[in-house]
Amino acid sequence: MTEQPPQSDDPDVFKLKAIQFNSSKVSIVTQNLNGPCPLIALVNVLALKGLARLPASGHVTRDALTHLIADVLLQMRPDNMNSHVESNYNRNLDDVINLLPDLGRGLDVNVKYELFLFASVLTNLKGFRHVTDFEFTPALSLFDLLRVNLYHGWIPDPQFVEIRDAVGDLTYNQLVEHICDETNTNRLLLEEFLMENVTQLTYQGLIGLMEAMKDGELAVLFRNNHFHTILRRKDLLYLLVSDSGYASEPSIVWESFNNVDGSSIFFASDFTVGSPRTSGGSSQQSQAAPSTDAE
């Protein structure tokens, strides 16, 4: 990958940051103002998994990142597929590669809701929607092909039965339509659910994330109309700090993600508590395959 000169005002050029992860040196992409967060979140997951390599420092362009993802997709293509599976896989792969340029403009993600129960046995029932429940779109095939899970934490609290039942199995778009329909008897309950969870995260959602994610799993979280790189480490959740305001802060790598009120603690690469040296910016926040270098 050709290193670009610093261009902080160019929305298609991103600063790289070197960190340590699992005893290895890894470069991650930082997010500038209004940058393409789906692209950055996915590339950072691949880099942390060792499936993609970025230069140790400098800058990288959006086009280079989309080419990097395309290379990883091709290298992760399974062997020994039967003709039917191969045909479907190739069709999905072609669709996804054609959609890669749209990563710079965000993805159309429509969350579906349904009941979430505490018992882990019940969470595995196919009839219950949870933090992996998204309405299928061709763009979301990208996550499947890269073997990266996509999560959200916008789950109704089962204690509020009326709201839970009103939300039911609606998609977000259907929910908004019901709110706009003055004849809908549930419109006020649905509006209350949206207004009380404007950051698209609930305590029930945090419980769901802890239930769904495996220890050590790296994934992408959709929250507050933004895509984050998320990690479960033991019994805690962390978001990768990809804000370019912290690109020069070596002790600011991860951010705790264990409550819904927005408060958090910064952590260094070794998960000790970190603190910025300068004022900085505010944080926004598989099956093995050969690693791919961005060129």
Protein backbone atom coordinates (compact mmCIF):
# COMPACT_ATOMS: atom_id res chain seq x y z
CA MET A 1 0.00 0.00 0.00
CA THR A 2 1.38 3.40 -0.94
CA GLU A 3 1.66 5.67 2.05
CA GLN A 4 -0.12 8.98 1.58
CA PRO A 5 1.05 12.34 2.94
CA PRO A 6 -0.98 13.69 5.85
CA GLN A 7 -4.23 15.23 4.61
CA SER A 8 -6.41 15.70 7.64
CA ASP A 9 -9.12 17.45 5.61
CA ASP A 10 -9.36 14.74 2.94
CA PRO A 11 -12.33 12.45 3.79
CA ASP A 12 -10.81 9.60 1.77
CA VAL A 13 -7.45 9.46 3.56
CA PHE A 14 -7.12 7.90 7.02
CA LYS A 15 -4.35 7.95 9.57
CA LEU A 16 -2.92 4.63 10.78
CA LYS A 17 -2.12 3.80 14.39
CA ALA A 18 0.25 1.08 15.62
CA ILE A 19 -0.92 -0.94 18.64
CA GLN A 20 -0.19 -4.27 20.33
CA PHE A 21 -2.77 -7.03 20.27
CA ASN A 22 -2.23 -10.57 21.53
CA SER A 23 1.54 -9.97 21.67
CA SER A 24 1.65 -8.85 18.03
CA LYS A 25 2.14 -5.43 16.50
CA VAL A 26 -0.92 -4.40 14.52
CA SER A 27 -1.82 -1.27 12.60
CA ILE A 28 -5.41 -0.04 12.77
CA VAL A 29 -7.25 2.57 10.73
CA THR A 30 -8.53 5.64 12.55
CA GLN A 31 -11.81 7.37 11.84
CA ASN A 32 -11.81 10.96 10.70
CA LEU A 33 -14.88 13.19 10.76
CA ASN A 34 -17.74 11.50 8.89
CA GLY A 35 -15.44 8.78 7.61
CA PRO A 36 -16.80 5.46 6.27
CA CYS A 37 -17.22 3.64 9.58
CA PRO A 38 -18.41 0.25 8.14
CA LEU A 39 -15.22 0.05 6.10
CA ILE A 40 -12.99 1.04 9.02
CA ALA A 41 -14.69 -1.27 11.51
CA LEU A 42 -14.35 -4.27 9.18
CA VAL A 43 -10.75 -3.59 8.20
CA ASN A 44 -9.80 -3.23 11.86
CA VAL A 45 -11.42 -6.57 12.71
CA LEU A 46 -9.48 -8.24 9.89
CA ALA A 47 -6.23 -6.57 10.99
CA LEU A 48 -6.69 -7.62 14.62
CA LYS A 49 -7.47 -11.18 13.49
CA GLY A 50 -4.28 -11.26 11.44
CA LEU A 51 -6.15 -11.63 8.16
CA ALA A 52 -4.96 -8.30 6.76
CA ARG A 53 -1.83 -6.22 7.24
CA LEU A 54 -1.48 -2.47 7.09
CA PRO A 55 1.70 -0.36 7.11
CA ALA A 56 3.12 0.41 10.55
CA SER A 57 2.43 4.12 10.22
CA GLY A 58 1.34 6.81 7.82
CA HIS A 59 -1.94 7.15 5.97
CA VAL A 60 -4.13 4.97 3.78
CA THR A 61 -6.82 5.74 1.22
CA ARG A 62 -10.37 4.48 1.15
CA ASP A 63 -9.80 2.82 -2.23
CA ALA A 64 -6.83 0.90 -0.83
CA LEU A 65 -8.99 -0.36 2.04
CA THR A 66 -11.75 -1.57 -0.26
CA HIS A 67 -9.16 -3.40 -2.38
CA LEU A 68 -7.78 -4.95 0.79
CA ILE A 69 -11.20 -6.30 1.75
CA ALA A 70 -11.69 -7.65 -1.78
CA ASP A 71 -8.37 -9.51 -1.52
CA VAL A 72 -9.36 -11.03 1.82
CA LEU A 73 -12.72 -12.10 0.39
CA LEU A 74 -11.01 -13.93 -2.47
CA GLN A 75 -8.53 -15.65 -0.16
CA MET A 76 -11.30 -16.78 2.20
CA ARG A 77 -13.19 -18.53 -0.58
CA PRO A 78 -13.84 -22.11 0.60
CA ASP A 79 -12.48 -25.11 -1.29
CA ASN A 80 -14.35 -28.25 -2.33
CA MET A 81 -17.82 -26.73 -2.65
CA ASN A 82 -20.44 -28.67 -4.56
CA SER A 83 -21.80 -27.03 -7.70
CA HIS A 84 -24.97 -25.66 -6.07
CA VAL A 85 -23.14 -24.18 -3.07
CA GLU A 86 -20.39 -22.81 -5.32
CA SER A 87 -22.92 -21.12 -7.60
CA ASN A 88 -24.64 -19.41 -4.67
CA TYR A 89 -21.34 -18.45 -3.10
CA ASN A 90 -20.00 -16.93 -6.32
CA ARG A 91 -23.20 -14.96 -6.81
CA ASN A 92 -23.01 -13.57 -3.27
CA LEU A 93 -19.31 -12.82 -3.70
CA ASP A 94 -19.92 -10.93 -6.95
CA ASP A 95 -22.72 -8.91 -5.33
CA VAL A 96 -20.56 -8.03 -2.34
CA ILE A 97 -17.52 -7.01 -4.37
CA ASN A 98 -19.73 -4.75 -6.49
CA LEU A 99 -21.04 -3.16 -3.28
CA LEU A 100 -17.63 -2.48 -1.74
CA PRO A 101 -17.43 1.12 -3.00
CA ASP A 102 -20.63 1.81 -1.04
CA LEU A 103 -18.82 1.08 2.22
CA GLY A 104 -17.61 4.65 2.02
CA ARG A 105 -21.18 5.85 2.24
CA GLY A 106 -22.40 3.54 4.99
CA LEU A 107 -24.59 0.44 4.90
CA ASP A 108 -28.35 0.19 4.99
CA VAL A 109 -28.85 -1.71 8.23
CA ASN A 110 -32.36 -2.46 9.43
CA VAL A 111 -32.57 -3.96 12.88
CA LYS A 112 -35.27 -6.50 13.67
CA TYR A 113 -36.51 -6.93 17.22
CA GLU A 114 -38.10 -9.74 19.10
CA LEU A 115 -38.22 -11.15 22.59
CA PHE A 116 -34.94 -11.90 24.33
CA LEU A 117 -34.99 -14.28 27.29
CA PHE A 118 -32.33 -14.52 29.97
CA ALA A 119 -31.84 -18.28 29.84
CA SER A 120 -28.96 -19.09 27.47
CA VAL A 121 -30.73 -22.24 26.29
CA LEU A 122 -33.69 -20.19 25.07
CA THR A 123 -31.48 -17.66 23.31
CA ASN A 124 -30.45 -20.42 20.92
CA LEU A 125 -34.02 -21.08 19.80
CA LYS A 126 -34.51 -19.99 16.22
CA GLY A 127 -37.88 -18.46 17.06
CA PHE A 128 -36.33 -15.76 19.29
CA ARG A 129 -34.70 -12.66 17.87
CA HIS A 130 -31.59 -11.27 19.55
CA VAL A 131 -28.48 -9.16 19.02
CA THR A 132 -27.65 -10.85 15.71
CA ASP A 133 -31.07 -10.14 14.25
CA PHE A 134 -30.85 -7.94 11.18
CA GLU A 135 -33.09 -7.83 8.17
CA PHE A 136 -31.14 -9.41 5.31
CA THR A 137 -29.74 -7.14 2.62
CA PRO A 138 -27.10 -7.99 0.00
CA ALA A 139 -24.71 -5.59 1.72
CA LEU A 140 -24.84 -7.63 4.92
CA SER A 141 -23.60 -10.70 3.03
CA LEU A 142 -20.21 -9.06 3.35
CA PHE A 143 -20.11 -9.90 7.05
CA ASP A 144 -21.04 -13.53 6.37
CA LEU A 145 -18.39 -13.94 3.67
CA LEU A 146 -15.72 -12.41 5.93
CA ARG A 147 -16.94 -14.57 8.85
CA VAL A 148 -17.34 -11.49 11.01
CA ASN A 149 -20.41 -11.28 13.23
CA LEU A 150 -22.51 -8.12 13.18
CA TYR A 151 -24.30 -7.25 16.42
CA HIS A 152 -26.59 -4.61 17.84
CA GLY A 153 -27.73 -3.95 21.41
CA TRP A 154 -31.19 -2.51 20.83
CA ILE A 155 -33.31 -5.10 22.64
CA PRO A 156 -36.59 -4.33 24.46
CA ASP A 157 -36.56 -4.99 28.20
CA PRO A 158 -38.78 -8.06 28.84
CA GLN A 159 -39.92 -6.49 32.13
CA PHE A 160 -41.82 -3.85 30.15
CA VAL A 161 -44.27 -6.31 28.67
CA GLU A 162 -46.44 -3.81 26.79
CA ILE A 163 -43.47 -2.26 24.99
CA ARG A 164 -41.92 -5.67 24.34
CA ASP A 165 -45.14 -6.97 22.82
CA ALA A 166 -45.68 -3.80 20.79
CA VAL A 167 -42.20 -4.05 19.28
CA GLY A 168 -42.64 -7.77 18.61
CA ASP A 169 -40.87 -8.78 15.40
CA LEU A 170 -41.07 -5.38 13.71
CA THR A 171 -38.15 -4.07 11.73
CA TYR A 172 -36.98 -0.56 12.48
CA ASN A 173 -38.62 0.74 9.33
CA GLN A 174 -41.92 -0.91 10.21
CA LEU A 175 -41.68 0.48 13.73
CA VAL A 176 -41.30 4.03 12.40
CA GLU A 177 -44.21 3.50 10.02
CA HIS A 178 -46.40 2.39 12.94
CA ILE A 179 -45.43 5.48 14.92
CA CYS A 180 -46.43 7.69 12.00
CA ASP A 181 -49.78 5.91 11.69
CA GLU A 182 -52.16 7.84 13.96
CA THR A 183 -54.63 4.96 13.91
CA ASN A 184 -52.09 2.49 15.34
CA THR A 185 -52.94 1.72 18.97
CA ASN A 186 -49.30 0.95 19.79
CA ARG A 187 -47.80 4.12 18.36
CA LEU A 188 -47.19 5.79 21.76
CA LEU A 189 -45.53 2.65 23.17
CA LEU A 190 -43.29 2.38 20.13
CA GLU A 191 -42.41 6.06 20.31
CA GLU A 192 -41.54 5.64 23.99
CA PHE A 193 -39.20 2.77 23.14
CA LEU A 194 -37.34 4.86 20.57
CA MET A 195 -37.21 8.01 22.69
CA GLU A 196 -35.93 6.21 25.79
CA ASN A 197 -33.22 4.38 23.83
CA VAL A 198 -31.95 7.05 21.46
CA THR A 199 -28.41 5.63 21.52
CA GLN A 200 -29.75 2.29 20.22
CA LEU A 201 -28.52 0.41 23.29
CA THR A 202 -30.36 -1.09 26.26
CA TYR A 203 -29.26 -3.03 29.32
CA GLN A 204 -31.03 -6.01 27.82
CA GLY A 205 -28.91 -5.48 24.72
CA LEU A 206 -25.72 -5.57 26.79
CA ILE A 207 -26.88 -8.83 28.34
CA GLY A 208 -27.55 -10.16 24.85
CA LEU A 209 -24.08 -9.18 23.64
CA MET A 210 -22.44 -10.95 26.56
CA GLU A 211 -24.56 -14.04 25.87
CA ALA A 212 -23.86 -14.07 22.14
CA MET A 213 -20.17 -13.17 21.97
CA LYS A 214 -17.47 -15.70 22.74
CA ASP A 215 -14.46 -14.85 24.88
CA GLY A 216 -11.85 -13.31 22.58
CA GLU A 217 -14.32 -12.67 19.76
CA LEU A 218 -13.82 -9.65 17.54
CA ALA A 219 -16.91 -8.39 15.75
CA VAL A 220 -18.69 -5.29 14.47
CA LEU A 221 -21.30 -3.50 16.57
CA PHE A 222 -24.01 -1.32 15.03
CA ARG A 223 -25.00 1.35 17.52
CA ASN A 224 -26.14 4.94 17.29
CA ASN A 225 -26.03 4.68 13.47
CA HIS A 226 -22.32 3.90 13.66
CA PHE A 227 -20.23 0.78 13.19
CA HIS A 228 -17.68 -0.08 15.91
CA THR A 229 -15.07 -2.80 16.31
CA ILE A 230 -16.08 -4.67 19.46
CA LEU A 231 -14.17 -7.23 21.53
CA ARG A 232 -15.31 -9.51 24.30
CA ARG A 233 -12.42 -10.19 26.67
CA LYS A 234 -13.31 -12.46 29.56
CA ASP A 235 -16.42 -10.93 31.13
CA LEU A 236 -16.05 -7.42 29.71
CA LEU A 237 -16.84 -5.74 26.41
CA TYR A 238 -14.55 -3.20 24.76
CA LEU A 239 -14.79 -0.92 21.74
CA LEU A 240 -11.69 -0.18 19.71
CA VAL A 241 -10.92 3.55 19.89
CA SER A 242 -10.70 4.47 16.23
CA ASP A 243 -11.21 8.22 16.58
CA SER A 244 -8.37 9.96 14.75
CA GLY A 245 -8.14 12.41 17.66
CA TYR A 246 -6.45 9.60 19.59
CA ALA A 247 -4.21 8.37 16.76
CA SER A 248 -1.12 9.70 18.55
CA GLU A 249 -2.15 8.45 21.99
CA PRO A 250 -0.40 5.09 22.57
CA SER A 251 -2.19 4.44 25.86
CA ILE A 252 -5.68 4.97 24.40
CA VAL A 253 -6.59 1.82 22.46
CA TRP A 254 -9.76 0.34 23.93
CA GLU A 255 -12.82 1.81 25.61
CA SER A 256 -15.03 -0.01 28.10
CA PHE A 257 -18.54 -0.81 26.88
CA ASN A 258 -20.54 -2.03 29.83
CA ASN A 259 -23.28 0.53 30.47
CA VAL A 260 -25.85 2.52 28.52
CA ASP A 261 -25.23 5.99 29.98
CA GLY A 262 -22.21 6.76 27.80
CA SER A 263 -19.63 6.72 30.58
CA SER A 264 -16.53 4.66 29.84
CA ILE A 265 -12.89 4.07 30.75
CA PHE A 266 -9.97 4.08 28.33
CA PHE A 267 -7.52 1.17 28.25
CA ALA A 268 -4.09 0.65 26.73
CA SER A 269 -3.10 -2.25 24.47
CA ASP A 270 -2.47 -4.47 27.50
CA PHE A 271 -5.88 -3.56 28.96
CA THR A 272 -4.45 -1.53 31.80
CA VAL A 273 -6.20 1.78 32.41
CA GLY A 274 -4.93 4.39 29.97
CA SER A 275 -4.96 8.16 29.95
CA PRO A 276 -4.38 10.63 27.10
CA ARG A 277 -1.18 12.68 27.00
CA THR A 278 -3.06 15.51 25.30
CA SER A 279 -6.63 16.73 25.17
CA GLY A 280 -7.37 14.65 22.03
CA GLY A 281 -10.74 14.19 20.41
CA SER A 282 -13.81 12.46 21.71
CA SER A 283 -14.19 8.78 20.97
CA GLN A 284 -16.85 7.58 18.58
CA GLN A 285 -17.34 4.94 19.02
CA SER A 286 -13.86 -17.12 11.90
CA GLN A 287 -12.24 -19.48 10.23
CA ALA A 288 -8.58 -18.76 9.70
CA ALA A 289 -7.44 -17.58 6.29
CA PRO A 290 -4.13 -16.35 4.89
CA SER A 291 -3.38 -12.77 5.89
CA THR A 292 -3.48 -10.24 3.09
CA ASP A 293 -1.26 -7.19 2.71
CA ALA A 294 -2.71 -3.94 1.44
CA GLU A 295 -0.74 -2.62 -1.47
